[in-house]
Amino acid sequence: MNLRMGPSTDYPIIGSFSSDAMGLTKTTCVPFMTEGQGIMLSQAERSFLDLPPRWCLMSNGQSHGWVAARFLMEATGQATPDQTSNRMLADAVSLVRRLYARHEQSMRGEALAPFGASRALDFFMADIANDLAQTQWQADPLYNAQDTDISNFRVMSDPDQPMLRGMITVRAEFTNFGQPQTVTFNLRADPVQPDAPVRIMRINHGEWSIP
């Protein structure tokens, strides 16, 4: 199975999976439809809608790329632990921890700012990194405050829904001047960057979010 840079044969081949590859992880498919929509649509309805061929963004933990859906089928039999999902969760938590550490270093003048043009791609999806680098922040983008006195800081995957359809949710919890705060990060694999690393797509402070 050829892996392509985008969801059609117009994109160049960037790798391959063996035809009998097992345990692949699906990030998303296009045209997008929910599981319920996919079940409810008859073949006649699919033809009437004139949908383009379906492609899926797949990964085996090392290689990532788009595969024609006609070559894919859901594995049957006893499920095995999803090592790829576990690795992506661990990568996501580690990335958020490194983001805060780099942010603290930059505030002390010891490192380049993680939101800056030279480092944003290390932490954020390519489609938002440039905008973040040009943003003038009215408050600290990671603590949602102009002044900070941080304690009880910890980062963890969301205990209720850590990963859903390729999107990972990570929480940063801390106390600022005695007030408990929670910041939610949404991450997923970024197919635009080499090897599709896990990157942040949204930071949610409750009353506002980035971007």
Protein backbone atom coordinates (compact mmCIF):
# COMPACT_ATOMS: atom_id res chain seq x y z
CA MET A 1 0.00 0.00 0.00
CA ASN A 2 1.44 3.31 -1.06
CA LEU A 3 1.52 6.20 1.43
CA ARG A 4 0.91 9.58 -0.17
CA MET A 5 1.46 13.15 0.97
CA GLY A 6 -2.23 13.96 0.45
CA PRO A 7 -5.58 12.24 -0.18
CA SER A 8 -5.34 11.44 -3.90
CA THR A 9 -3.01 9.92 -6.48
CA ASP A 10 -2.08 13.48 -7.48
CA TYR A 11 0.17 13.62 -4.38
CA PRO A 12 3.65 12.04 -4.36
CA ILE A 13 4.35 8.70 -2.68
CA ILE A 14 6.21 9.14 0.63
CA GLY A 15 6.31 5.54 1.88
CA SER A 16 4.43 2.26 1.98
CA PHE A 17 2.84 -0.37 4.21
CA SER A 18 2.90 -4.06 3.44
CA SER A 19 -0.37 -5.37 2.02
CA ASP A 20 -0.94 -7.47 5.18
CA ALA A 21 0.02 -4.73 7.67
CA MET A 22 -1.90 -4.95 10.97
CA GLY A 23 -2.43 -2.60 13.90
CA LEU A 24 -2.52 0.62 11.86
CA THR A 25 -3.99 3.74 13.46
CA LYS A 26 -6.47 5.92 11.56
CA THR A 27 -6.33 9.68 12.25
CA THR A 28 -9.13 10.74 9.89
CA CYS A 29 -10.68 10.04 6.49
CA VAL A 30 -11.95 12.27 3.69
CA PRO A 31 -14.63 12.91 2.58
CA PHE A 32 -15.44 13.16 6.28
CA MET A 33 -18.55 11.50 7.65
CA THR A 34 -19.49 10.20 11.06
CA GLU A 35 -19.72 6.49 11.69
CA GLY A 36 -23.52 6.80 11.74
CA GLN A 37 -23.60 8.61 8.39
CA GLY A 38 -21.35 6.01 6.86
CA ILE A 39 -23.64 3.20 7.99
CA MET A 40 -26.85 4.94 6.89
CA LEU A 41 -25.74 5.89 3.36
CA SER A 42 -26.69 3.29 0.75
CA GLN A 43 -24.54 2.71 -2.32
CA ALA A 44 -27.16 4.50 -4.42
CA GLU A 45 -27.05 7.53 -2.11
CA ARG A 46 -23.26 7.56 -2.27
CA SER A 47 -23.44 7.56 -6.07
CA PHE A 48 -26.07 10.32 -6.06
CA LEU A 49 -23.85 12.53 -3.88
CA ASP A 50 -21.00 11.94 -6.35
CA LEU A 51 -18.48 11.69 -3.52
CA PRO A 52 -14.79 11.47 -4.49
CA PRO A 53 -12.85 8.32 -3.59
CA ARG A 54 -12.29 7.98 0.16
CA TRP A 55 -8.76 8.31 1.58
CA CYS A 56 -7.57 7.82 5.16
CA LEU A 57 -4.57 9.23 7.06
CA MET A 58 -2.90 6.16 8.56
CA SER A 59 0.08 5.45 10.81
CA ASN A 60 2.02 2.43 12.05
CA GLY A 61 3.82 4.51 14.69
CA GLN A 62 6.83 5.22 12.46
CA SER A 63 5.42 6.01 9.02
CA HIS A 64 2.43 8.25 8.31
CA GLY A 65 0.55 9.01 5.12
CA TRP A 66 -2.68 8.88 3.13
CA VAL A 67 -3.95 5.51 1.89
CA ALA A 68 -6.86 4.79 -0.46
CA ALA A 69 -9.67 3.48 1.75
CA ARG A 70 -10.48 0.67 -0.69
CA PHE A 71 -7.28 -1.06 0.46
CA LEU A 72 -8.24 -0.92 4.14
CA MET A 73 -10.43 -3.16 6.25
CA GLU A 74 -11.10 -3.32 9.96
CA ALA A 75 -9.23 -6.10 11.72
CA THR A 76 -11.33 -8.86 13.27
CA GLY A 77 -10.65 -11.09 16.22
CA GLN A 78 -9.42 -10.32 19.71
CA ALA A 79 -8.24 -6.76 20.15
CA THR A 80 -4.66 -6.10 21.21
CA PRO A 81 -3.42 -3.07 23.14
CA ASP A 82 -3.00 -0.06 20.84
CA GLN A 83 0.66 0.72 21.36
CA THR A 84 0.53 3.55 18.82
CA SER A 85 -2.24 5.33 20.72
CA ASN A 86 -0.33 4.93 23.98
CA ARG A 87 2.79 6.38 22.38
CA MET A 88 0.85 9.32 20.94
CA LEU A 89 -0.70 10.04 24.35
CA ALA A 90 2.73 9.97 25.99
CA ASP A 91 4.12 12.24 23.24
CA ALA A 92 1.24 14.70 23.75
CA VAL A 93 1.74 14.95 27.51
CA SER A 94 5.50 15.33 27.05
CA LEU A 95 4.99 18.06 24.43
CA VAL A 96 2.77 20.15 26.72
CA ARG A 97 5.26 19.76 29.57
CA ARG A 98 8.08 20.89 27.28
CA LEU A 99 5.98 23.83 26.10
CA TYR A 100 5.61 25.11 29.66
CA ALA A 101 9.28 24.46 30.43
CA ARG A 102 10.41 26.33 27.31
CA HIS A 103 8.00 29.16 28.09
CA GLU A 104 9.47 29.53 31.59
CA GLN A 105 13.00 29.51 30.17
CA SER A 106 12.09 32.19 27.63
CA MET A 107 10.60 34.37 30.37
CA ARG A 108 13.98 34.22 32.12
CA GLY A 109 15.81 34.99 28.88
CA GLU A 110 17.36 31.51 28.73
CA ALA A 111 15.65 30.25 25.54
CA LEU A 112 13.72 31.38 22.49
CA ALA A 113 9.98 31.76 23.07
CA PRO A 114 7.96 28.69 22.00
CA PHE A 115 5.37 30.95 20.34
CA GLY A 116 8.04 32.71 18.25
CA ALA A 117 8.55 32.14 14.53
CA SER A 118 11.69 30.04 15.02
CA ARG A 119 10.16 27.60 17.52
CA ALA A 120 6.38 27.54 16.99
CA LEU A 121 6.52 24.50 14.66
CA ASP A 122 8.18 22.52 17.48
CA PHE A 123 4.93 22.72 19.44
CA PHE A 124 2.03 23.76 17.20
CA MET A 125 0.27 22.63 14.02
CA ALA A 126 1.79 24.17 10.91
CA ASP A 127 -1.45 25.91 9.90
CA ILE A 128 -1.55 28.01 13.09
CA ALA A 129 2.15 28.39 13.95
CA ASN A 130 2.69 31.48 11.79
CA ASP A 131 -0.36 33.27 13.20
CA LEU A 132 0.73 32.54 16.76
CA ALA A 133 4.18 33.96 16.07
CA GLN A 134 2.61 37.28 15.05
CA THR A 135 0.11 37.54 17.93
CA GLN A 136 0.48 40.30 20.52
CA TRP A 137 -0.64 38.70 23.78
CA GLN A 138 -2.63 40.73 26.31
CA ALA A 139 -2.11 38.04 28.97
CA ASP A 140 0.20 35.08 29.39
CA PRO A 141 -1.06 32.55 26.77
CA LEU A 142 -0.31 29.53 28.96
CA TYR A 143 -1.45 30.83 32.35
CA ASN A 144 -4.21 33.27 31.28
CA ALA A 145 -2.86 35.99 33.58
CA GLN A 146 -0.63 39.05 33.51
CA ASP A 147 1.08 38.15 36.80
CA THR A 148 1.82 34.65 38.04
CA ASP A 149 2.68 32.87 41.26
CA ILE A 150 2.40 29.23 40.17
CA SER A 151 2.28 26.18 42.44
CA ASN A 152 0.90 22.61 42.31
CA PHE A 153 1.63 22.40 38.59
CA ARG A 154 0.96 19.15 36.74
CA VAL A 155 0.22 17.97 33.18
CA MET A 156 -1.79 14.84 32.39
CA SER A 157 -3.97 13.32 29.69
CA ASP A 158 -7.68 13.93 30.13
CA PRO A 159 -8.91 11.10 32.41
CA ASP A 160 -12.41 11.13 30.88
CA GLN A 161 -11.57 11.20 27.17
CA PRO A 162 -7.82 11.16 26.45
CA MET A 163 -8.12 10.36 22.74
CA LEU A 164 -11.06 10.40 20.31
CA ARG A 165 -10.81 9.94 16.53
CA GLY A 166 -7.16 10.93 16.54
CA MET A 167 -7.58 14.05 18.70
CA ILE A 168 -5.76 13.94 22.05
CA THR A 169 -6.83 16.00 25.06
CA VAL A 170 -4.26 17.01 27.65
CA ARG A 171 -4.85 19.09 30.79
CA ALA A 172 -2.49 21.42 32.63
CA GLU A 173 -3.58 22.06 36.22
CA PHE A 174 -1.98 24.58 38.56
CA THR A 175 -2.66 27.14 41.26
CA ASN A 176 -2.03 30.82 40.50
CA PHE A 177 -2.06 33.17 43.51
CA GLY A 178 -4.05 30.54 45.40
CA GLN A 179 -6.67 30.07 42.65
CA PRO A 180 -6.91 26.65 40.94
CA GLN A 181 -6.75 26.79 37.14
CA THR A 182 -7.15 24.24 34.35
CA VAL A 183 -5.97 24.69 30.76
CA THR A 184 -7.07 22.18 28.10
CA PHE A 185 -4.90 21.33 25.10
CA ASN A 186 -6.15 19.57 21.96
CA LEU A 187 -3.49 17.83 19.89
CA ARG A 188 -3.28 15.54 16.89
CA ALA A 189 -0.73 14.31 14.37
CA ASP A 190 0.27 17.05 11.92
CA PRO A 191 0.57 15.46 8.44
CA VAL A 192 2.11 18.66 7.03
CA GLN A 193 5.27 18.29 9.11
CA PRO A 194 7.84 15.52 8.47
CA ASP A 195 6.86 12.19 10.09
CA ALA A 196 3.49 13.71 11.21
CA PRO A 197 4.50 14.56 14.81
CA VAL A 198 1.90 15.24 17.52
CA ARG A 199 1.30 18.98 17.68
CA ILE A 200 -1.05 21.36 19.53
CA MET A 201 -4.06 22.56 17.56
CA ARG A 202 -5.94 24.47 20.31
CA ILE A 203 -5.42 25.81 23.83
CA ASN A 204 -8.66 26.35 25.75
CA HIS A 205 -8.83 28.61 28.79
CA GLY A 206 -12.61 28.29 29.17
CA GLU A 207 -13.68 31.82 28.36
CA TRP A 208 -11.29 32.06 25.39
CA SER A 209 -9.11 29.81 23.30
CA ILE A 210 -6.02 29.87 21.09
CA PRO A 211 -6.49 30.14 18.16
